[in-house]
Amino acid sequence: MSQDYADGKLAGLDMAPTIRWYELNGQLFFSKLTELFQNPKKQLPYQLVNSNMLPLSQDEIAALIGLFPQNAIDRSILESIVGQSETWFHRDSRQEQPIPTNDISLALSPTASIPSYTDYAKWTEEKPSADVVLYRIDGSAASGNVRKIISVQGFLHEFGGHTIIAPAFNIPEYSLRLPNGRIVKGFNYLIEFAKMAEKHAPISHYASAYRGKNNKFESDSPSYNPLIAISEELSEVIAAHILGFAFCGEDLRGKNPFADRPEIKEFAENFLNAALVK
C-alpha cells in the first residue's frame, strides 16, 4: 500500500464509499438514469472499439451525448469509444501519478476500480483528438444497477469533461463566446473556474484526490500538475450537473451538488453552451 493511500491522499480513488452510497440510493439514482436514457436517440458519430466489452450500449451512449448542448458536442475532440476489461488503481499509485493495473491483487483495494479514462495518444497539433475508454466493473464490486451508474458517471466525466476541457487548456488562442456574448480565452476561463472552486470543498469524493494543500490546486510536490487537478474537478462538476447527484460524503449535498455553490453550476452551464470562436 502506498504512503499516499495510507495518509488518505488517494482515498478518492477507492470507490467503496461511493458504491455504498449508490447501493443505499440505488432505486432513486437508477430511476434518474432511466429518464436520461429516454432522451431521443441521436446518431453516434464516433467509432466503437471492442464494443462487446463496453459497459454501456450504443443507444445508451448516444442518449447520454444527446444530453449535451450542440456547442459542447461540436467542441468535443472525441474520436473513438473503447471497451476494456476490469482495471484498478495500482497500490503504488501516488497523488501525482495514479497507476492502472489489470491485476486485482495489485490494486489499492478491490473497489479501487477505474471506470473510465481519456486517452490523448492520437493528439497532434494538426488534429487534437482523444479516445474515451470505458472499463467493465468487476461484478464482485457492486450490483448491476450500481455498476451501470458508475459507468454512466464515468462516461459523462470523460466526454462532457475531458474531451471538451482539454482543447481549452492546451490549444493556444482557443477562445469561446459565452451565452451572454462575452468572449474569453479558454485557458483564462478555466483558471476563473479554479479560483471559484477553491472556495468550496471538492465537488465529489473522487475530485478530493486531486486537491493539494489548504484545499488549493497546488502542492509542494514538483510532479503535481494543477491543470490536471482543475480538469478533474470540472469534469466531476459537469457529470454532477448532468446527473443531478455526486457522491461527496455528505448525503444532502450529494443529492443536491450545487446547493452551496450555484455559481459553479452557472459556470458549467455557460462552459457547455459556449461557442468556439473560429
Protein backbone atom coordinates (compact mmCIF):
# COMPACT_ATOMS: atom_id res chain seq x y z
CA MET A 1 0.00 0.00 0.00
CA SER A 2 1.35 3.42 -0.95
CA GLN A 3 2.03 6.04 1.72
CA ASP A 4 -0.30 8.39 -0.14
CA TYR A 5 -3.13 5.88 0.32
CA ALA A 6 -2.26 5.32 3.97
CA ASP A 7 -2.28 9.09 4.51
CA GLY A 8 -5.68 9.41 2.87
CA LYS A 9 -4.50 11.42 -0.13
CA LEU A 10 -5.74 8.75 -2.54
CA ALA A 11 -8.97 7.95 -0.69
CA GLY A 12 -10.90 9.39 -3.63
CA LEU A 13 -9.58 6.63 -5.88
CA ASP A 14 -11.25 3.90 -3.80
CA MET A 15 -14.92 3.61 -4.80
CA ALA A 16 -16.01 1.68 -1.68
CA PRO A 17 -17.89 4.60 -0.02
CA THR A 18 -19.28 5.72 -3.39
CA ILE A 19 -20.57 2.21 -4.08
CA ARG A 20 -22.19 2.02 -0.63
CA TRP A 21 -23.95 5.34 -1.22
CA TYR A 22 -25.14 4.27 -4.67
CA GLU A 23 -26.41 0.97 -3.23
CA LEU A 24 -28.32 2.80 -0.47
CA ASN A 25 -29.92 5.15 -3.02
CA GLY A 26 -29.89 2.76 -5.95
CA GLN A 27 -33.55 2.99 -6.90
CA LEU A 28 -33.52 6.80 -6.84
CA PHE A 29 -30.39 7.11 -8.94
CA PHE A 30 -31.23 4.30 -11.36
CA SER A 31 -34.62 5.92 -11.99
CA LYS A 32 -32.72 9.08 -12.91
CA LEU A 33 -30.63 7.12 -15.41
CA THR A 34 -33.78 5.63 -16.92
CA GLU A 35 -35.02 9.18 -17.55
CA LEU A 36 -31.72 10.15 -19.16
CA PHE A 37 -31.79 7.15 -21.47
CA GLN A 38 -35.29 8.08 -22.65
CA ASN A 39 -33.95 11.11 -24.50
CA PRO A 40 -34.38 10.96 -28.28
CA LYS A 41 -31.52 8.89 -29.70
CA LYS A 42 -29.01 10.71 -31.86
CA GLN A 43 -26.79 9.12 -34.45
CA LEU A 44 -23.47 8.19 -32.84
CA PRO A 45 -20.73 9.87 -34.91
CA TYR A 46 -17.89 8.03 -33.15
CA GLN A 47 -16.20 4.72 -33.75
CA LEU A 48 -16.86 1.98 -31.18
CA VAL A 49 -13.88 -0.28 -30.44
CA ASN A 50 -14.24 -3.57 -28.53
CA SER A 51 -17.96 -2.85 -28.36
CA ASN A 52 -18.62 -6.28 -26.79
CA MET A 53 -16.65 -5.09 -23.75
CA LEU A 54 -18.40 -1.74 -23.36
CA PRO A 55 -20.44 -1.49 -20.15
CA LEU A 56 -22.95 0.77 -21.96
CA SER A 57 -24.89 0.06 -25.15
CA GLN A 58 -24.56 2.16 -28.29
CA ASP A 59 -28.07 3.56 -27.73
CA GLU A 60 -27.25 4.44 -24.12
CA ILE A 61 -24.06 6.25 -25.15
CA ALA A 62 -25.92 8.11 -27.88
CA ALA A 63 -28.62 9.16 -25.41
CA LEU A 64 -26.00 10.47 -22.96
CA ILE A 65 -24.27 12.50 -25.66
CA GLY A 66 -27.65 13.89 -26.64
CA LEU A 67 -27.96 15.45 -23.18
CA PHE A 68 -25.24 17.98 -24.02
CA PRO A 69 -25.75 21.28 -25.85
CA GLN A 70 -24.77 21.15 -29.51
CA ASN A 71 -21.97 23.65 -28.92
CA ALA A 72 -20.39 21.27 -26.39
CA ILE A 73 -20.70 18.33 -28.77
CA ASP A 74 -19.14 20.37 -31.57
CA ARG A 75 -16.17 21.30 -29.35
CA SER A 76 -15.51 17.74 -28.18
CA ILE A 77 -12.36 16.13 -29.61
CA LEU A 78 -13.72 12.60 -29.08
CA GLU A 79 -12.78 10.16 -31.85
CA SER A 80 -13.45 6.64 -30.53
CA ILE A 81 -15.10 4.94 -27.56
CA VAL A 82 -13.18 1.88 -26.46
CA GLY A 83 -14.31 -1.00 -24.26
CA GLN A 84 -11.77 -2.60 -21.93
CA SER A 85 -11.68 -5.26 -19.22
CA GLU A 86 -11.75 -4.57 -15.48
CA THR A 87 -8.94 -2.27 -14.32
CA TRP A 88 -7.96 -0.87 -10.93
CA PHE A 89 -5.67 1.77 -9.45
CA HIS A 90 -2.37 0.10 -8.57
CA ARG A 91 -1.28 0.06 -4.94
CA ASP A 92 1.87 2.01 -5.92
CA SER A 93 -0.20 4.96 -7.19
CA ARG A 94 0.70 8.42 -5.96
CA GLN A 95 -1.37 11.58 -5.84
CA GLU A 96 0.71 12.92 -8.70
CA GLN A 97 0.73 9.66 -10.65
CA PRO A 98 -2.19 7.22 -10.47
CA ILE A 99 -1.12 3.86 -11.95
CA PRO A 100 -3.54 1.34 -13.55
CA THR A 101 -3.39 -2.43 -13.20
CA ASN A 102 -5.43 -5.33 -14.58
CA ASP A 103 -4.45 -7.49 -11.60
CA ILE A 104 -6.83 -7.06 -8.67
CA SER A 105 -4.21 -8.48 -6.29
CA LEU A 106 -2.05 -5.41 -7.03
CA ALA A 107 -4.87 -2.88 -6.59
CA LEU A 108 -5.13 -0.23 -3.88
CA SER A 109 -8.23 -2.19 -2.87
CA PRO A 110 -10.75 -4.48 -4.61
CA THR A 111 -13.04 -1.47 -5.04
CA ALA A 112 -10.39 0.93 -6.39
CA SER A 113 -11.89 0.45 -9.84
CA ILE A 114 -11.12 2.67 -12.80
CA PRO A 115 -14.44 3.17 -14.60
CA SER A 116 -13.15 5.34 -17.45
CA TYR A 117 -10.20 7.17 -18.95
CA THR A 118 -9.48 9.71 -21.69
CA ASP A 119 -6.56 8.69 -23.92
CA TYR A 120 -4.79 11.52 -25.79
CA ALA A 121 -2.31 9.28 -27.63
CA LYS A 122 -3.71 10.33 -31.03
CA TRP A 123 -3.46 14.06 -30.27
CA THR A 124 -1.46 16.02 -32.81
CA GLU A 125 -1.01 19.74 -33.28
CA GLU A 126 -2.84 19.48 -36.59
CA LYS A 127 -5.71 17.40 -35.17
CA PRO A 128 -6.29 17.38 -31.41
CA SER A 129 -8.25 14.21 -30.64
CA ALA A 130 -8.91 11.71 -27.87
CA ASP A 131 -10.44 8.31 -27.23
CA VAL A 132 -12.66 7.58 -24.24
CA VAL A 133 -12.01 4.20 -22.64
CA LEU A 134 -14.83 2.60 -20.63
CA TYR A 135 -13.77 -0.25 -18.37
CA ARG A 136 -16.03 -3.04 -17.22
CA ILE A 137 -16.62 -3.01 -13.45
CA ASP A 138 -15.93 -6.27 -11.63
CA GLY A 139 -19.17 -8.00 -10.66
CA SER A 140 -17.97 -8.56 -7.11
CA ALA A 141 -17.68 -4.82 -6.51
CA ALA A 142 -21.33 -3.81 -6.86
CA SER A 143 -24.77 -4.78 -8.12
CA GLY A 144 -25.64 -4.49 -11.79
CA ASN A 145 -27.60 -1.25 -11.36
CA VAL A 146 -24.77 0.38 -9.40
CA ARG A 147 -22.20 -0.72 -11.99
CA LYS A 148 -24.38 0.96 -14.60
CA ILE A 149 -24.49 4.19 -12.58
CA ILE A 150 -20.70 4.11 -12.24
CA SER A 151 -20.25 3.63 -15.99
CA VAL A 152 -22.65 6.44 -16.85
CA GLN A 153 -20.96 8.84 -14.44
CA GLY A 154 -17.58 7.83 -15.88
CA PHE A 155 -18.67 8.46 -19.46
CA LEU A 156 -20.16 11.86 -18.60
CA HIS A 157 -16.92 12.72 -16.79
CA GLU A 158 -14.76 11.82 -19.81
CA PHE A 159 -16.94 13.08 -22.67
CA GLY A 160 -18.55 16.08 -21.01
CA GLY A 161 -15.38 16.94 -19.17
CA HIS A 162 -12.03 15.96 -20.58
CA THR A 163 -12.77 15.82 -24.32
CA ILE A 164 -14.18 19.35 -24.11
CA ILE A 165 -11.83 20.78 -21.47
CA ALA A 166 -8.54 19.56 -22.99
CA PRO A 167 -8.58 21.78 -26.09
CA ALA A 168 -9.50 24.82 -23.98
CA PHE A 169 -6.47 24.21 -21.77
CA ASN A 170 -3.98 23.17 -24.44
CA ILE A 171 -4.70 24.95 -27.72
CA PRO A 172 -3.18 28.45 -27.94
CA GLU A 173 -5.65 31.21 -28.79
CA TYR A 174 -8.60 28.89 -28.10
CA SER A 175 -11.49 31.28 -27.46
CA LEU A 176 -15.12 30.87 -26.52
CA ARG A 177 -18.19 33.06 -26.90
CA LEU A 178 -20.30 32.66 -23.79
CA PRO A 179 -24.12 32.73 -23.96
CA ASN A 180 -24.10 36.36 -22.79
CA GLY A 181 -21.80 37.34 -25.69
CA ARG A 182 -18.62 37.66 -23.65
CA ILE A 183 -15.54 36.27 -25.42
CA VAL A 184 -12.94 34.54 -23.25
CA LYS A 185 -9.66 32.71 -23.78
CA GLY A 186 -10.23 29.07 -22.90
CA PHE A 187 -7.23 28.82 -20.56
CA ASN A 188 -8.08 32.00 -18.68
CA TYR A 189 -11.71 30.97 -18.31
CA LEU A 190 -10.74 27.64 -16.75
CA ILE A 191 -8.48 29.46 -14.29
CA GLU A 192 -11.53 31.54 -13.34
CA PHE A 193 -13.28 28.26 -12.58
CA ALA A 194 -10.36 27.08 -10.43
CA LYS A 195 -10.50 30.20 -8.29
CA MET A 196 -14.24 29.71 -7.75
CA ALA A 197 -13.86 26.01 -6.98
CA GLU A 198 -11.15 26.58 -4.38
CA LYS A 199 -13.70 28.42 -2.24
CA HIS A 200 -15.54 25.14 -1.75
CA ALA A 201 -14.83 21.56 -0.82
CA PRO A 202 -14.26 19.24 -3.81
CA ILE A 203 -17.47 18.54 -5.71
CA SER A 204 -17.02 14.79 -5.24
CA HIS A 205 -15.13 12.09 -3.36
CA TYR A 206 -13.08 11.37 -6.50
CA ALA A 207 -12.19 15.03 -7.03
CA SER A 208 -10.79 15.18 -3.49
CA ALA A 209 -7.83 13.04 -4.61
CA TYR A 210 -6.59 15.94 -6.74
CA ARG A 211 -6.79 18.82 -4.28
CA GLY A 212 -3.50 19.98 -2.80
CA LYS A 213 -2.68 21.67 0.49
CA ASN A 214 -5.21 24.04 2.03
CA ASN A 215 -7.84 22.78 -0.43
CA LYS A 216 -5.99 24.50 -3.28
CA PHE A 217 -4.91 23.29 -6.70
CA GLU A 218 -1.30 23.33 -5.58
CA SER A 219 1.24 21.09 -3.89
CA ASP A 220 4.82 21.05 -2.66
CA SER A 221 5.49 18.08 -4.92
CA PRO A 222 7.26 19.06 -8.16
CA SER A 223 5.28 16.38 -10.03
CA TYR A 224 1.86 17.77 -9.03
CA ASN A 225 0.08 19.18 -12.09
CA PRO A 226 -2.57 21.77 -11.16
CA LEU A 227 -4.05 21.73 -14.67
CA ILE A 228 -4.84 18.03 -14.32
CA ALA A 229 -6.40 18.69 -10.93
CA ILE A 230 -8.55 21.53 -12.29
CA SER A 231 -9.62 19.40 -15.23
CA GLU A 232 -10.64 16.55 -12.93
CA GLU A 233 -12.68 18.90 -10.73
CA LEU A 234 -14.51 20.45 -13.68
CA SER A 235 -15.14 17.02 -15.24
CA GLU A 236 -16.77 15.93 -11.99
CA VAL A 237 -18.77 19.18 -11.88
CA ILE A 238 -20.09 18.58 -15.40
CA ALA A 239 -21.06 14.98 -14.61
CA ALA A 240 -22.85 16.17 -11.46
CA HIS A 241 -24.61 18.87 -13.48
CA ILE A 242 -26.00 16.29 -15.92
CA LEU A 243 -26.81 13.60 -13.34
CA GLY A 244 -28.07 15.79 -10.52
CA PHE A 245 -26.04 13.92 -7.90
CA ALA A 246 -22.41 13.33 -6.90
CA PHE A 247 -21.01 11.32 -4.02
CA CYS A 248 -19.12 13.65 -1.70
CA GLY A 249 -19.55 12.06 1.72
CA GLU A 250 -22.47 14.31 2.61
CA ASP A 251 -25.85 12.81 1.76
CA LEU A 252 -27.80 16.05 1.38
CA ARG A 253 -25.18 17.84 -0.70
CA GLY A 254 -24.58 14.68 -2.73
CA LYS A 255 -28.22 14.72 -3.82
CA ASN A 256 -28.12 18.47 -4.48
CA PRO A 257 -24.48 19.07 -5.50
CA PHE A 258 -24.77 22.79 -6.20
CA ALA A 259 -26.86 23.85 -3.22
CA ASP A 260 -23.86 25.62 -1.69
CA ARG A 261 -22.24 26.67 -4.99
CA PRO A 262 -24.77 27.99 -7.53
CA GLU A 263 -22.02 29.96 -9.27
CA ILE A 264 -20.27 26.66 -10.11
CA LYS A 265 -23.43 25.30 -11.71
CA GLU A 266 -23.77 28.52 -13.70
CA PHE A 267 -20.17 28.17 -14.86
CA ALA A 268 -20.82 24.60 -16.05
CA GLU A 269 -23.89 25.72 -18.00
CA ASN A 270 -22.03 28.63 -19.59
CA PHE A 271 -18.99 26.50 -20.42
CA LEU A 272 -21.05 23.78 -22.10
CA ASN A 273 -23.18 26.25 -24.05
CA ALA A 274 -20.27 28.41 -25.20
CA ALA A 275 -19.48 28.52 -28.92
CA LEU A 276 -15.99 28.16 -30.29
CA VAL A 277 -14.70 31.39 -31.80
CA LYS A 278 -13.11 30.47 -35.11
